[in-house]
Amino acid sequence: PAAQEEQEAVVLSVAECPVCRQALVEAVTPPCRHSLCLACFQRCLQGPGLCCPLCRSRLSTRARRQQAEPAATTAAGAAGG
């Protein structure tokens, strides 16, 4: 019972954006491995620091480019390259 409640809490926290606390929609995972919703990630890219809002790790140019074009990145990955 208590372990099950803990497990359910973990599942719920994974499905929630840690920035806006809303459902994790169109999840983006930068190199630091923190998952955010696409809208929050895009707001990070518009800020002056260009860093993860959770750990303040700098977002690489490559990561920013990949997240700016998620459909192209997904299509290339699905095609095997």
Protein backbone atom coordinates (compact mmCIF):
# COMPACT_ATOMS: atom_id res chain seq x y z
CA PRO A 1 0.00 0.00 0.00
CA ALA A 2 2.60 2.63 1.00
CA ALA A 3 5.03 1.43 -1.66
CA GLN A 4 2.25 1.52 -4.24
CA GLU A 5 1.40 5.11 -3.27
CA GLU A 6 5.08 6.07 -3.69
CA GLN A 7 5.19 4.41 -7.09
CA GLU A 8 2.03 6.24 -8.18
CA ALA A 9 3.54 9.55 -7.01
CA VAL A 10 6.64 8.89 -9.11
CA VAL A 11 4.53 8.11 -12.17
CA LEU A 12 2.54 11.30 -11.67
CA SER A 13 5.67 13.41 -11.25
CA VAL A 14 7.12 12.02 -14.48
CA ALA A 15 3.98 13.03 -16.39
CA GLU A 16 4.13 16.63 -15.11
CA CYS A 17 6.31 19.46 -16.40
CA PRO A 18 8.49 20.58 -13.48
CA VAL A 19 8.38 24.19 -14.68
CA CYS A 20 4.68 24.91 -15.25
CA ARG A 21 3.33 21.94 -13.25
CA GLN A 22 0.95 21.07 -16.09
CA ALA A 23 0.66 17.79 -17.97
CA LEU A 24 3.87 17.04 -19.85
CA VAL A 25 2.75 17.74 -23.42
CA GLU A 26 5.22 17.35 -26.29
CA ALA A 27 8.03 16.51 -23.89
CA VAL A 28 11.51 17.84 -24.65
CA THR A 29 14.60 16.36 -23.00
CA PRO A 30 17.75 18.47 -23.31
CA PRO A 31 21.23 16.93 -22.76
CA CYS A 32 20.93 17.40 -18.97
CA ARG A 33 18.06 14.84 -19.11
CA HIS A 34 15.38 17.02 -17.46
CA SER A 35 12.06 16.67 -19.29
CA LEU A 36 9.98 19.80 -19.87
CA CYS A 37 6.98 20.58 -22.01
CA LEU A 38 7.76 22.11 -25.38
CA ALA A 39 6.24 25.49 -24.44
CA CYS A 40 8.47 25.83 -21.35
CA PHE A 41 11.54 24.73 -23.31
CA GLN A 42 10.84 27.32 -26.00
CA ARG A 43 10.55 30.01 -23.31
CA CYS A 44 14.01 28.94 -22.07
CA LEU A 45 15.41 29.45 -25.56
CA GLN A 46 14.02 32.99 -25.65
CA GLY A 47 15.70 33.93 -22.37
CA PRO A 48 19.18 35.41 -22.11
CA GLY A 49 20.83 32.45 -20.36
CA LEU A 50 19.96 29.62 -22.77
CA CYS A 51 20.05 27.12 -19.93
CA CYS A 52 17.91 24.44 -18.33
CA PRO A 53 15.51 26.10 -15.86
CA LEU A 54 16.04 23.26 -13.37
CA CYS A 55 19.81 22.76 -13.21
CA ARG A 56 21.04 25.80 -15.18
CA SER A 57 23.12 23.62 -17.54
CA ARG A 58 23.91 25.45 -20.75
CA LEU A 59 21.96 24.20 -23.73
CA SER A 60 24.29 23.32 -26.57
CA THR A 61 23.83 24.82 -30.01
CA ARG A 62 23.11 21.34 -31.35
CA ALA A 63 20.38 20.70 -28.75
CA ARG A 64 18.78 24.06 -29.47
CA ARG A 65 18.82 23.35 -33.21
CA GLN A 66 17.31 19.88 -32.76
CA GLN A 67 14.53 21.16 -30.52
CA ALA A 68 13.75 24.02 -32.91
CA GLU A 69 12.88 21.42 -35.56
CA PRO A 70 11.46 18.43 -33.63
CA ALA A 71 9.58 17.01 -36.63
CA ALA A 72 12.72 16.89 -38.79
CA THR A 73 14.74 15.34 -35.96
CA THR A 74 12.06 12.70 -35.36
CA ALA A 75 11.79 11.89 -39.06
CA ALA A 76 15.56 11.52 -39.40
CA GLY A 77 15.69 9.27 -36.34
CA ALA A 78 12.87 7.10 -37.65
CA ALA A 79 14.63 6.76 -41.01
CA GLY A 80 17.72 5.48 -39.26
CA GLY A 81 19.97 8.45 -39.62
